[in-house]
Amino acid sequence: MARELMHSGDLKAIFPVLVGELKLDAELGEVYGDFFKGGGMPSCCDEVCKAVEDKLVEHLKRLGKGAPELPGSERTVAATLKGITAYQGGFLKGLRADAEEKVVAEIVRQCKSGTLASK
């Protein structure tokens, strides 16, 4: 949905938040792992997910936007992940409370400064 709205000019920015696996540490409490641990981006299929596509069409219709404009090759799982992560974002990594606070602070900072914009 975000990529469709960026494509049509209806969305100014995408700020992806990449979330590592949340684990419970006996001493530290809840800790996010590194999203990229194990070699980087997860591998994804290069096909369109029908259930997600149906929801996209439903939301666009409700907004009065019509049919998706991005070509099908840009709406696959792999293309969506690649397209969203092309934007500068944030990471939830480390102690849960600290990680979440840092990401929210960065979003607020970028919104106030006007730096939260497209690529």
PDB file of N, CA and C in Angstrom:
ATOM      1  N   MET A   1       0.835  -1.184   0.000  1.00  0.00           N
ATOM      2  CA  MET A   1       0.000   0.000   0.000  1.00  0.00           C
ATOM      3  C   MET A   1       0.879   1.247   0.000  1.00  0.00           C
ATOM      4  N   ALA A   2       1.918   1.226   0.845  1.00  0.00           N
ATOM      5  CA  ALA A   2       2.810   2.383   0.920  1.00  0.00           C
ATOM      6  C   ALA A   2       3.477   2.644  -0.426  1.00  0.00           C
ATOM      7  N   ARG A   3       3.916   1.589  -1.085  1.00  0.00           N
ATOM      8  CA  ARG A   3       4.582   1.771  -2.381  1.00  0.00           C
ATOM      9  C   ARG A   3       3.607   2.298  -3.430  1.00  0.00           C
ATOM     10  N   GLU A   4       2.375   1.833  -3.397  1.00  0.00           N
ATOM     11  CA  GLU A   4       1.363   2.352  -4.330  1.00  0.00           C
ATOM     12  C   GLU A   4       1.122   3.835  -4.080  1.00  0.00           C
ATOM     13  N   LEU A   5       0.995   4.223  -2.829  1.00  0.00           N
ATOM     14  CA  LEU A   5       0.727   5.623  -2.504  1.00  0.00           C
ATOM     15  C   LEU A   5       1.925   6.513  -2.817  1.00  0.00           C
ATOM     16  N   MET A   6       3.152   5.992  -2.667  1.00  0.00           N
ATOM     17  CA  MET A   6       4.344   6.751  -3.077  1.00  0.00           C
ATOM     18  C   MET A   6       4.335   6.927  -4.598  1.00  0.00           C
ATOM     19  N   HIS A   7       4.017   5.858  -5.296  1.00  0.00           N
ATOM     20  CA  HIS A   7       4.010   5.882  -6.760  1.00  0.00           C
ATOM     21  C   HIS A   7       3.011   6.918  -7.290  1.00  0.00           C
ATOM     22  N   SER A   8       1.874   7.022  -6.637  1.00  0.00           N
ATOM     23  CA  SER A   8       0.841   7.959  -7.099  1.00  0.00           C
ATOM     24  C   SER A   8       1.049   9.378  -6.562  1.00  0.00           C
ATOM     25  N   GLY A   9       2.040   9.566  -5.692  1.00  0.00           N
ATOM     26  CA  GLY A   9       2.304  10.891  -5.132  1.00  0.00           C
ATOM     27  C   GLY A   9       1.449  11.238  -3.932  1.00  0.00           C
ATOM     28  N   ASP A  10       0.703  10.267  -3.415  1.00  0.00           N
ATOM     29  CA  ASP A  10      -0.173  10.517  -2.271  1.00  0.00           C
ATOM     30  C   ASP A  10       0.504  10.297  -0.919  1.00  0.00           C
ATOM     31  N   LEU A  11       1.732   9.833  -0.943  1.00  0.00           N
ATOM     32  CA  LEU A  11       2.476   9.590   0.289  1.00  0.00           C
ATOM     33  C   LEU A  11       3.842  10.230   0.124  1.00  0.00           C
ATOM     34  N   LYS A  12       4.255  10.995   1.122  1.00  0.00           N
ATOM     35  CA  LYS A  12       5.511  11.729   1.032  1.00  0.00           C
ATOM     36  C   LYS A  12       6.720  10.858   1.353  1.00  0.00           C
ATOM     37  N   ALA A  13       6.563   9.915   2.275  1.00  0.00           N
ATOM     38  CA  ALA A  13       7.728   9.162   2.722  1.00  0.00           C
ATOM     39  C   ALA A  13       7.350   7.777   3.222  1.00  0.00           C
ATOM     40  N   ILE A  14       8.338   6.915   3.177  1.00  0.00           N
ATOM     41  CA  ILE A  14       8.235   5.592   3.788  1.00  0.00           C
ATOM     42  C   ILE A  14       9.384   5.491   4.780  1.00  0.00           C
ATOM     43  N   PHE A  15       9.106   5.087   5.998  1.00  0.00           N
ATOM     44  CA  PHE A  15      10.136   4.894   7.020  1.00  0.00           C
ATOM     45  C   PHE A  15      10.013   3.462   7.520  1.00  0.00           C
ATOM     46  N   PRO A  16      10.725   2.538   6.869  1.00  0.00           N
ATOM     47  CA  PRO A  16      10.608   1.145   7.311  1.00  0.00           C
ATOM     48  C   PRO A  16      11.256   0.947   8.678  1.00  0.00           C
ATOM     49  N   VAL A  17      10.636   0.135   9.491  1.00  0.00           N
ATOM     50  CA  VAL A  17      11.212  -0.248  10.776  1.00  0.00           C
ATOM     51  C   VAL A  17      11.475  -1.750  10.693  1.00  0.00           C
ATOM     52  N   LEU A  18      12.756  -2.114  10.699  1.00  0.00           N
ATOM     53  CA  LEU A  18      13.166  -3.505  10.581  1.00  0.00           C
ATOM     54  C   LEU A  18      13.302  -4.076  11.986  1.00  0.00           C
ATOM     55  N   VAL A  19      12.591  -5.155  12.233  1.00  0.00           N
ATOM     56  CA  VAL A  19      12.475  -5.706  13.575  1.00  0.00           C
ATOM     57  C   VAL A  19      13.215  -7.028  13.683  1.00  0.00           C
ATOM     58  N   GLY A  20      14.206  -7.064  14.574  1.00  0.00           N
ATOM     59  CA  GLY A  20      14.902  -8.313  14.866  1.00  0.00           C
ATOM     60  C   GLY A  20      14.039  -9.198  15.745  1.00  0.00           C
ATOM     61  N   GLU A  21      14.431 -10.444  15.869  1.00  0.00           N
ATOM     62  CA  GLU A  21      13.677 -11.389  16.687  1.00  0.00           C
ATOM     63  C   GLU A  21      13.711 -10.953  18.151  1.00  0.00           C
ATOM     64  N   LEU A  22      12.556 -10.946  18.803  1.00  0.00           N
ATOM     65  CA  LEU A  22      12.450 -10.551  20.209  1.00  0.00           C
ATOM     66  C   LEU A  22      12.654 -11.770  21.093  1.00  0.00           C
ATOM     67  N   LYS A  23      13.637 -11.680  21.974  1.00  0.00           N
ATOM     68  CA  LYS A  23      13.937 -12.781  22.888  1.00  0.00           C
ATOM     69  C   LYS A  23      13.944 -12.262  24.310  1.00  0.00           C
ATOM     70  N   LEU A  24      13.749 -13.168  25.244  1.00  0.00           N
ATOM     71  CA  LEU A  24      13.771 -12.811  26.658  1.00  0.00           C
ATOM     72  C   LEU A  24      15.123 -13.195  27.240  1.00  0.00           C
ATOM     73  N   ASP A  25      15.847 -12.201  27.744  1.00  0.00           N
ATOM     74  CA  ASP A  25      17.130 -12.415  28.400  1.00  0.00           C
ATOM     75  C   ASP A  25      16.874 -12.393  29.899  1.00  0.00           C
ATOM     76  N   ALA A  26      17.364 -13.386  30.624  1.00  0.00           N
ATOM     77  CA  ALA A  26      17.106 -13.507  32.060  1.00  0.00           C
ATOM     78  C   ALA A  26      17.535 -12.266  32.837  1.00  0.00           C
ATOM     79  N   GLU A  27      18.606 -11.612  32.406  1.00  0.00           N
ATOM     80  CA  GLU A  27      19.119 -10.442  33.125  1.00  0.00           C
ATOM     81  C   GLU A  27      18.626  -9.117  32.561  1.00  0.00           C
ATOM     82  N   LEU A  28      18.504  -9.040  31.262  1.00  0.00           N
ATOM     83  CA  LEU A  28      18.184  -7.765  30.615  1.00  0.00           C
ATOM     84  C   LEU A  28      16.705  -7.569  30.317  1.00  0.00           C
ATOM     85  N   GLY A  29      15.956  -8.624  30.249  1.00  0.00           N
ATOM     86  CA  GLY A  29      14.548  -8.538  29.856  1.00  0.00           C
ATOM     87  C   GLY A  29      14.394  -8.786  28.369  1.00  0.00           C
ATOM     88  N   GLU A  30      13.434  -8.137  27.730  1.00  0.00           N
ATOM     89  CA  GLU A  30      13.173  -8.349  26.304  1.00  0.00           C
ATOM     90  C   GLU A  30      14.214  -7.621  25.453  1.00  0.00           C
ATOM     91  N   VAL A  31      14.815  -8.366  24.543  1.00  0.00           N
ATOM     92  CA  VAL A  31      15.892  -7.845  23.694  1.00  0.00           C
ATOM     93  C   VAL A  31      15.615  -8.212  22.242  1.00  0.00           C
ATOM     94  N   TYR A  32      15.700  -7.199  21.356  1.00  0.00           N
ATOM     95  CA  TYR A  32      15.569  -7.451  19.922  1.00  0.00           C
ATOM     96  C   TYR A  32      16.922  -7.889  19.371  1.00  0.00           C
ATOM     97  N   GLY A  33      16.912  -8.937  18.555  1.00  0.00           N
ATOM     98  CA  GLY A  33      18.122  -9.368  17.871  1.00  0.00           C
ATOM     99  C   GLY A  33      18.374  -8.509  16.651  1.00  0.00           C
ATOM    100  N   ASP A  34      19.402  -8.844  15.908  1.00  0.00           N
ATOM    101  CA  ASP A  34      19.780  -8.112  14.707  1.00  0.00           C
ATOM    102  C   ASP A  34      18.983  -8.645  13.515  1.00  0.00           C
ATOM    103  N   PHE A  35      18.202  -7.777  12.873  1.00  0.00           N
ATOM    104  CA  PHE A  35      17.390  -8.149  11.720  1.00  0.00           C
ATOM    105  C   PHE A  35      18.242  -8.793  10.636  1.00  0.00           C
ATOM    106  N   PHE A  36      19.470  -8.311  10.467  1.00  0.00           N
ATOM    107  CA  PHE A  36      20.330  -8.766   9.379  1.00  0.00           C
ATOM    108  C   PHE A  36      21.202  -9.961   9.759  1.00  0.00           C
ATOM    109  N   LYS A  37      21.099 -10.434  10.989  1.00  0.00           N
ATOM    110  CA  LYS A  37      21.929 -11.557  11.422  1.00  0.00           C
ATOM    111  C   LYS A  37      21.679 -12.766  10.515  1.00  0.00           C
ATOM    112  N   GLY A  38      22.751 -13.397  10.122  1.00  0.00           N
ATOM    113  CA  GLY A  38      22.617 -14.578   9.288  1.00  0.00           C
ATOM    114  C   GLY A  38      22.722 -14.291   7.809  1.00  0.00           C
ATOM    115  N   GLY A  39      23.271 -13.157   7.443  1.00  0.00           N
ATOM    116  CA  GLY A  39      23.524 -12.923   6.023  1.00  0.00           C
ATOM    117  C   GLY A  39      22.713 -11.831   5.371  1.00  0.00           C
ATOM    118  N   GLY A  40      22.011 -11.064   6.107  1.00  0.00           N
ATOM    119  CA  GLY A  40      21.318  -9.931   5.503  1.00  0.00           C
ATOM    120  C   GLY A  40      19.836 -10.156   5.310  1.00  0.00           C
ATOM    121  N   MET A  41      19.321  -9.582   4.253  1.00  0.00           N
ATOM    122  CA  MET A  41      17.878  -9.608   4.001  1.00  0.00           C
ATOM    123  C   MET A  41      17.370 -11.035   3.869  1.00  0.00           C
ATOM    124  N   PRO A  42      16.192 -11.281   4.388  1.00  0.00           N
ATOM    125  CA  PRO A  42      15.618 -12.620   4.203  1.00  0.00           C
ATOM    126  C   PRO A  42      15.292 -12.852   2.732  1.00  0.00           C
ATOM    127  N   SER A  43      15.347 -14.092   2.320  1.00  0.00           N
ATOM    128  CA  SER A  43      14.968 -14.388   0.938  1.00  0.00           C
ATOM    129  C   SER A  43      13.448 -14.445   0.856  1.00  0.00           C
ATOM    130  N   CYS A  44      12.924 -13.943  -0.237  1.00  0.00           N
ATOM    131  CA  CYS A  44      11.471 -13.895  -0.423  1.00  0.00           C
ATOM    132  C   CYS A  44      11.129 -14.428  -1.802  1.00  0.00           C
ATOM    133  N   CYS A  45       9.915 -14.917  -1.927  1.00  0.00           N
ATOM    134  CA  CYS A  45       9.476 -15.412  -3.229  1.00  0.00           C
ATOM    135  C   CYS A  45       9.218 -14.235  -4.161  1.00  0.00           C
ATOM    136  N   ASP A  46       9.368 -14.477  -5.430  1.00  0.00           N
ATOM    137  CA  ASP A  46       9.168 -13.440  -6.430  1.00  0.00           C
ATOM    138  C   ASP A  46       7.809 -13.621  -7.099  1.00  0.00           C
ATOM    139  N   GLU A  47       6.796 -13.683  -6.264  1.00  0.00           N
ATOM    140  CA  GLU A  47       5.434 -13.797  -6.790  1.00  0.00           C
ATOM    141  C   GLU A  47       4.485 -12.939  -5.969  1.00  0.00           C
ATOM    142  N   VAL A  48       3.369 -12.632  -6.556  1.00  0.00           N
ATOM    143  CA  VAL A  48       2.347 -11.817  -5.898  1.00  0.00           C
ATOM    144  C   VAL A  48       1.539 -12.709  -4.968  1.00  0.00           C
ATOM    145  N   CYS A  49       1.332 -12.248  -3.752  1.00  0.00           N
ATOM    146  CA  CYS A  49       0.517 -12.980  -2.777  1.00  0.00           C
ATOM    147  C   CYS A  49      -0.941 -12.555  -2.980  1.00  0.00           C
ATOM    148  N   LYS A  50      -1.781 -13.470  -3.391  1.00  0.00           N
ATOM    149  CA  LYS A  50      -3.166 -13.138  -3.729  1.00  0.00           C
ATOM    150  C   LYS A  50      -3.912 -12.479  -2.577  1.00  0.00           C
ATOM    151  N   ALA A  51      -3.759 -12.977  -1.356  1.00  0.00           N
ATOM    152  CA  ALA A  51      -4.472 -12.394  -0.207  1.00  0.00           C
ATOM    153  C   ALA A  51      -4.051 -10.943   0.028  1.00  0.00           C
ATOM    154  N   VAL A  52      -2.753 -10.662  -0.110  1.00  0.00           N
ATOM    155  CA  VAL A  52      -2.259  -9.292   0.064  1.00  0.00           C
ATOM    156  C   VAL A  52      -2.731  -8.423  -1.098  1.00  0.00           C
ATOM    157  N   GLU A  53      -2.665  -8.947  -2.290  1.00  0.00           N
ATOM    158  CA  GLU A  53      -3.122  -8.219  -3.482  1.00  0.00           C
ATOM    159  C   GLU A  53      -4.606  -7.857  -3.349  1.00  0.00           C
ATOM    160  N   ASP A  54      -5.419  -8.794  -2.881  1.00  0.00           N
ATOM    161  CA  ASP A  54      -6.850  -8.525  -2.699  1.00  0.00           C
ATOM    162  C   ASP A  54      -7.071  -7.399  -1.689  1.00  0.00           C
ATOM    163  N   LYS A  55      -6.296  -7.393  -0.603  1.00  0.00           N
ATOM    164  CA  LYS A  55      -6.413  -6.332   0.404  1.00  0.00           C
ATOM    165  C   LYS A  55      -5.985  -4.990  -0.169  1.00  0.00           C
ATOM    166  N   LEU A  56      -4.918  -4.997  -0.963  1.00  0.00           N
ATOM    167  CA  LEU A  56      -4.454  -3.772  -1.599  1.00  0.00           C
ATOM    168  C   LEU A  56      -5.554  -3.187  -2.483  1.00  0.00           C
ATOM    169  N   VAL A  57      -6.137  -4.012  -3.308  1.00  0.00           N
ATOM    170  CA  VAL A  57      -7.212  -3.562  -4.196  1.00  0.00           C
ATOM    171  C   VAL A  57      -8.383  -3.027  -3.374  1.00  0.00           C
ATOM    172  N   GLU A  58      -8.735  -3.730  -2.311  1.00  0.00           N
ATOM    173  CA  GLU A  58      -9.837  -3.293  -1.437  1.00  0.00           C
ATOM    174  C   GLU A  58      -9.549  -1.913  -0.838  1.00  0.00           C
ATOM    175  N   HIS A  59      -8.339  -1.715  -0.318  1.00  0.00           N
ATOM    176  CA  HIS A  59      -7.995  -0.430   0.302  1.00  0.00           C
ATOM    177  C   HIS A  59      -7.936   0.694  -0.729  1.00  0.00           C
ATOM    178  N   LEU A  60      -7.362   0.426  -1.880  1.00  0.00           N
ATOM    179  CA  LEU A  60      -7.301   1.449  -2.915  1.00  0.00           C
ATOM    180  C   LEU A  60      -8.704   1.843  -3.377  1.00  0.00           C
ATOM    181  N   LYS A  61      -9.570   0.849  -3.505  1.00  0.00           N
ATOM    182  CA  LYS A  61     -10.955   1.115  -3.907  1.00  0.00           C
ATOM    183  C   LYS A  61     -11.649   1.981  -2.859  1.00  0.00           C
ATOM    184  N   ARG A  62     -11.459   1.637  -1.579  1.00  0.00           N
ATOM    185  CA  ARG A  62     -12.088   2.406  -0.498  1.00  0.00           C
ATOM    186  C   ARG A  62     -11.609   3.852  -0.494  1.00  0.00           C
ATOM    187  N   LEU A  63     -10.344   4.072  -0.888  1.00  0.00           N
ATOM    188  CA  LEU A  63      -9.793   5.424  -0.942  1.00  0.00           C
ATOM    189  C   LEU A  63     -10.141   6.155  -2.239  1.00  0.00           C
ATOM    190  N   GLY A  64     -10.828   5.465  -3.143  1.00  0.00           N
ATOM    191  CA  GLY A  64     -11.184   6.075  -4.415  1.00  0.00           C
ATOM    192  C   GLY A  64     -10.000   6.198  -5.364  1.00  0.00           C
ATOM    193  N   LYS A  65      -8.997   5.340  -5.216  1.00  0.00           N
ATOM    194  CA  LYS A  65      -7.771   5.409  -6.020  1.00  0.00           C
ATOM    195  C   LYS A  65      -7.797   4.518  -7.248  1.00  0.00           C
ATOM    196  N   GLY A  66      -8.768   3.654  -7.376  1.00  0.00           N
ATOM    197  CA  GLY A  66      -8.825   2.765  -8.519  1.00  0.00           C
ATOM    198  C   GLY A  66      -7.923   1.558  -8.358  1.00  0.00           C
ATOM    199  N   ALA A  67      -7.516   0.983  -9.469  1.00  0.00           N
ATOM    200  CA  ALA A  67      -6.693  -0.227  -9.468  1.00  0.00           C
ATOM    201  C   ALA A  67      -5.228   0.117  -9.160  1.00  0.00           C
ATOM    202  N   PRO A  68      -4.464  -0.874  -8.691  1.00  0.00           N
ATOM    203  CA  PRO A  68      -3.034  -0.636  -8.460  1.00  0.00           C
ATOM    204  C   PRO A  68      -2.348  -0.156  -9.735  1.00  0.00           C
ATOM    205  N   GLU A  69      -1.425   0.801  -9.587  1.00  0.00           N
ATOM    206  CA  GLU A  69      -0.699   1.335 -10.736  1.00  0.00           C
ATOM    207  C   GLU A  69       0.657   0.672 -10.937  1.00  0.00           C
ATOM    208  N   LEU A  70       1.265   0.211  -9.867  1.00  0.00           N
ATOM    209  CA  LEU A  70       2.556  -0.460 -10.009  1.00  0.00           C
ATOM    210  C   LEU A  70       2.360  -1.748 -10.801  1.00  0.00           C
ATOM    211  N   PRO A  71       3.284  -2.068 -11.704  1.00  0.00           N
ATOM    212  CA  PRO A  71       3.144  -3.321 -12.444  1.00  0.00           C
ATOM    213  C   PRO A  71       3.242  -4.521 -11.507  1.00  0.00           C
ATOM    214  N   GLY A  72       2.653  -5.637 -11.902  1.00  0.00           N
ATOM    215  CA  GLY A  72       2.660  -6.841 -11.080  1.00  0.00           C
ATOM    216  C   GLY A  72       4.048  -7.251 -10.643  1.00  0.00           C
ATOM    217  N   SER A  73       5.045  -7.037 -11.499  1.00  0.00           N
ATOM    218  CA  SER A  73       6.416  -7.405 -11.149  1.00  0.00           C
ATOM    219  C   SER A  73       6.953  -6.576  -9.985  1.00  0.00           C
ATOM    220  N   GLU A  74       6.345  -5.418  -9.710  1.00  0.00           N
ATOM    221  CA  GLU A  74       6.751  -4.564  -8.589  1.00  0.00           C
ATOM    222  C   GLU A  74       5.910  -4.818  -7.341  1.00  0.00           C
ATOM    223  N   ARG A  75       4.943  -5.741  -7.448  1.00  0.00           N
ATOM    224  CA  ARG A  75       4.068  -6.049  -6.305  1.00  0.00           C
ATOM    225  C   ARG A  75       4.328  -7.451  -5.753  1.00  0.00           C
ATOM    226  N   THR A  76       5.436  -8.070  -6.161  1.00  0.00           N
ATOM    227  CA  THR A  76       5.771  -9.383  -5.605  1.00  0.00           C
ATOM    228  C   THR A  76       6.308  -9.196  -4.188  1.00  0.00           C
ATOM    229  N   VAL A  77       6.373 -10.281  -3.442  1.00  0.00           N
ATOM    230  CA  VAL A  77       6.898 -10.210  -2.074  1.00  0.00           C
ATOM    231  C   VAL A  77       8.328  -9.681  -2.093  1.00  0.00           C
ATOM    232  N   ALA A  78       9.173 -10.230  -2.965  1.00  0.00           N
ATOM    233  CA  ALA A  78      10.571  -9.814  -3.031  1.00  0.00           C
ATOM    234  C   ALA A  78      10.703  -8.342  -3.451  1.00  0.00           C
ATOM    235  N   ALA A  79       9.958  -7.921  -4.465  1.00  0.00           N
ATOM    236  CA  ALA A  79      10.040  -6.538  -4.943  1.00  0.00           C
ATOM    237  C   ALA A  79       9.520  -5.560  -3.890  1.00  0.00           C
ATOM    238  N   THR A  80       8.505  -5.957  -3.146  1.00  0.00           N
ATOM    239  CA  THR A  80       7.964  -5.097  -2.096  1.00  0.00           C
ATOM    240  C   THR A  80       8.995  -4.887  -0.995  1.00  0.00           C
ATOM    241  N   LEU A  81       9.611  -5.971  -0.533  1.00  0.00           N
ATOM    242  CA  LEU A  81      10.631  -5.848   0.512  1.00  0.00           C
ATOM    243  C   LEU A  81      11.795  -4.992   0.017  1.00  0.00           C
ATOM    244  N   LYS A  82      12.250  -5.246  -1.188  1.00  0.00           N
ATOM    245  CA  LYS A  82      13.360  -4.473  -1.750  1.00  0.00           C
ATOM    246  C   LYS A  82      12.982  -3.001  -1.889  1.00  0.00           C
ATOM    247  N   GLY A  83      11.778  -2.739  -2.370  1.00  0.00           N
ATOM    248  CA  GLY A  83      11.337  -1.364  -2.570  1.00  0.00           C
ATOM    249  C   GLY A  83      11.186  -0.588  -1.278  1.00  0.00           C
ATOM    250  N   ILE A  84      10.660  -1.232  -0.256  1.00  0.00           N
ATOM    251  CA  ILE A  84      10.469  -0.551   1.027  1.00  0.00           C
ATOM    252  C   ILE A  84      11.805  -0.318   1.721  1.00  0.00           C
ATOM    253  N   THR A  85      12.692  -1.301   1.682  1.00  0.00           N
ATOM    254  CA  THR A  85      13.966  -1.148   2.380  1.00  0.00           C
ATOM    255  C   THR A  85      14.950  -0.264   1.613  1.00  0.00           C
ATOM    256  N   ALA A  86      14.568   0.218   0.438  1.00  0.00           N
ATOM    257  CA  ALA A  86      15.402   1.180  -0.275  1.00  0.00           C
ATOM    258  C   ALA A  86      15.369   2.544   0.414  1.00  0.00           C
ATOM    259  N   TYR A  87      14.411   2.751   1.300  1.00  0.00           N
ATOM    260  CA  TYR A  87      14.282   4.002   2.034  1.00  0.00           C
ATOM    261  C   TYR A  87      15.027   3.898   3.357  1.00  0.00           C
ATOM    262  N   GLN A  88      15.594   5.021   3.801  1.00  0.00           N
ATOM    263  CA  GLN A  88      16.257   5.057   5.104  1.00  0.00           C
ATOM    264  C   GLN A  88      15.214   4.831   6.172  1.00  0.00           C
ATOM    265  N   GLY A  89      15.487   3.946   7.073  1.00  0.00           N
ATOM    266  CA  GLY A  89      14.528   3.643   8.125  1.00  0.00           C
ATOM    267  C   GLY A  89      15.200   3.490   9.466  1.00  0.00           C
ATOM    268  N   GLY A  90      14.630   2.650  10.293  1.00  0.00           N
ATOM    269  CA  GLY A  90      15.164   2.412  11.625  1.00  0.00           C
ATOM    270  C   GLY A  90      15.181   0.934  11.937  1.00  0.00           C
ATOM    271  N   PHE A  91      15.873   0.594  13.006  1.00  0.00           N
ATOM    272  CA  PHE A  91      16.014  -0.804  13.409  1.00  0.00           C
ATOM    273  C   PHE A  91      15.606  -0.952  14.864  1.00  0.00           C
ATOM    274  N   LEU A  92      14.844  -1.982  15.148  1.00  0.00           N
ATOM    275  CA  LEU A  92      14.596  -2.351  16.532  1.00  0.00           C
ATOM    276  C   LEU A  92      15.645  -3.397  16.862  1.00  0.00           C
ATOM    277  N   LYS A  93      16.641  -2.992  17.653  1.00  0.00           N
ATOM    278  CA  LYS A  93      17.753  -3.866  18.006  1.00  0.00           C
ATOM    279  C   LYS A  93      18.207  -3.504  19.414  1.00  0.00           C
ATOM    280  N   GLY A  94      18.416  -4.502  20.239  1.00  0.00           N
ATOM    281  CA  GLY A  94      18.859  -4.264  21.610  1.00  0.00           C
ATOM    282  C   GLY A  94      17.685  -4.299  22.581  1.00  0.00           C
ATOM    283  N   LEU A  95      17.853  -3.671  23.734  1.00  0.00           N
ATOM    284  CA  LEU A  95      16.797  -3.662  24.750  1.00  0.00           C
ATOM    285  C   LEU A  95      15.509  -3.098  24.164  1.00  0.00           C
ATOM    286  N   ARG A  96      14.415  -3.797  24.410  1.00  0.00           N
ATOM    287  CA  ARG A  96      13.141  -3.440  23.774  1.00  0.00           C
ATOM    288  C   ARG A  96      12.747  -1.986  24.007  1.00  0.00           C
ATOM    289  N   ALA A  97      12.694  -1.553  25.256  1.00  0.00           N
ATOM    290  CA  ALA A  97      12.248  -0.193  25.551  1.00  0.00           C
ATOM    291  C   ALA A  97      13.159   0.844  24.893  1.00  0.00           C
ATOM    292  N   ASP A  98      14.476   0.632  24.976  1.00  0.00           N
ATOM    293  CA  ASP A  98      15.423   1.568  24.373  1.00  0.00           C
ATOM    294  C   ASP A  98      15.285   1.591  22.854  1.00  0.00           C
ATOM    295  N   ALA A  99      15.184   0.415  22.246  1.00  0.00           N
ATOM    296  CA  ALA A  99      15.096   0.311  20.793  1.00  0.00           C
ATOM    297  C   ALA A  99      13.848   1.006  20.268  1.00  0.00           C
ATOM    298  N   GLU A 100      12.723   0.770  20.906  1.00  0.00           N
ATOM    299  CA  GLU A 100      11.465   1.378  20.460  1.00  0.00           C
ATOM    300  C   GLU A 100      11.507   2.895  20.636  1.00  0.00           C
ATOM    301  N   GLU A 101      12.059   3.343  21.756  1.00  0.00           N
ATOM    302  CA  GLU A 101      12.155   4.786  22.016  1.00  0.00           C
ATOM    303  C   GLU A 101      13.043   5.471  20.980  1.00  0.00           C
ATOM    304  N   LYS A 102      14.162   4.834  20.615  1.00  0.00           N
ATOM    305  CA  LYS A 102      15.076   5.410  19.619  1.00  0.00           C
ATOM    306  C   LYS A 102      14.413   5.531  18.254  1.00  0.00           C
ATOM    307  N   VAL A 103      13.670   4.512  17.837  1.00  0.00           N
ATOM    308  CA  VAL A 103      13.021   4.552  16.529  1.00  0.00           C
ATOM    309  C   VAL A 103      11.946   5.632  16.505  1.00  0.00           C
ATOM    310  N   VAL A 104      11.133   5.713  17.541  1.00  0.00           N
ATOM    311  CA  VAL A 104      10.091   6.744  17.598  1.00  0.00           C
ATOM    312  C   VAL A 104      10.726   8.134  17.599  1.00  0.00           C
ATOM    313  N   ALA A 105      11.799   8.318  18.369  1.00  0.00           N
ATOM    314  CA  ALA A 105      12.482   9.615  18.412  1.00  0.00           C
ATOM    315  C   ALA A 105      13.026   9.996  17.036  1.00  0.00           C
ATOM    316  N   GLU A 106      13.554   9.021  16.296  1.00  0.00           N
ATOM    317  CA  GLU A 106      14.092   9.304  14.965  1.00  0.00           C
ATOM    318  C   GLU A 106      12.978   9.681  13.988  1.00  0.00           C
ATOM    319  N   ILE A 107      11.850   9.006  14.065  1.00  0.00           N
ATOM    320  CA  ILE A 107      10.716   9.360  13.194  1.00  0.00           C
ATOM    321  C   ILE A 107      10.257  10.785  13.497  1.00  0.00           C
ATOM    322  N   VAL A 108      10.115  11.106  14.773  1.00  0.00           N
ATOM    323  CA  VAL A 108       9.682  12.455  15.174  1.00  0.00           C
ATOM    324  C   VAL A 108      10.705  13.489  14.703  1.00  0.00           C
ATOM    325  N   ARG A 109      11.992  13.203  14.894  1.00  0.00           N
ATOM    326  CA  ARG A 109      13.046  14.131  14.497  1.00  0.00           C
ATOM    327  C   ARG A 109      12.991  14.399  12.989  1.00  0.00           C
ATOM    328  N   GLN A 110      12.853  13.333  12.215  1.00  0.00           N
ATOM    329  CA  GLN A 110      12.826  13.500  10.766  1.00  0.00           C
ATOM    330  C   GLN A 110      11.568  14.226  10.302  1.00  0.00           C
ATOM    331  N   CYS A 111      10.450  13.973  10.954  1.00  0.00           N
ATOM    332  CA  CYS A 111       9.215  14.689  10.591  1.00  0.00           C
ATOM    333  C   CYS A 111       9.359  16.182  10.871  1.00  0.00           C
ATOM    334  N   LYS A 112       9.903  16.514  12.042  1.00  0.00           N
ATOM    335  CA  LYS A 112      10.063  17.926  12.413  1.00  0.00           C
ATOM    336  C   LYS A 112      11.052  18.650  11.522  1.00  0.00           C
ATOM    337  N   SER A 113      12.109  17.956  11.111  1.00  0.00           N
ATOM    338  CA  SER A 113      13.141  18.595  10.299  1.00  0.00           C
ATOM    339  C   SER A 113      12.810  18.585   8.805  1.00  0.00           C
ATOM    340  N   GLY A 114      11.793  17.807   8.440  1.00  0.00           N
ATOM    341  CA  GLY A 114      11.426  17.702   7.034  1.00  0.00           C
ATOM    342  C   GLY A 114      12.319  16.769   6.245  1.00  0.00           C
ATOM    343  N   THR A 115      13.182  16.019   6.948  1.00  0.00           N
ATOM    344  CA  THR A 115      14.078  15.096   6.240  1.00  0.00           C
ATOM    345  C   THR A 115      13.418  13.770   5.931  1.00  0.00           C
ATOM    346  N   LEU A 116      12.265  13.520   6.517  1.00  0.00           N
ATOM    347  CA  LEU A 116      11.560  12.268   6.223  1.00  0.00           C
ATOM    348  C   LEU A 116      10.845  12.479   4.901  1.00  0.00           C
ATOM    349  N   ALA A 117      11.540  12.134   3.845  1.00  0.00           N
ATOM    350  CA  ALA A 117      11.019  12.331   2.492  1.00  0.00           C
ATOM    351  C   ALA A 117      11.408  11.143   1.646  1.00  0.00           C
ATOM    352  N   SER A 118      11.009  11.151   0.405  1.00  0.00           N
ATOM    353  CA  SER A 118      11.290  10.018  -0.464  1.00  0.00           C
ATOM    354  C   SER A 118      12.786   9.853  -0.680  1.00  0.00           C
ATOM    355  N   LYS A 119      13.158   8.636  -1.059  1.00  0.00           N
ATOM    356  CA  LYS A 119      14.560   8.227  -1.272  1.00  0.00           C
ATOM    357  C   LYS A 119      15.530   9.339  -1.147  1.00  0.00           C
TER     358      LYS A 119
END
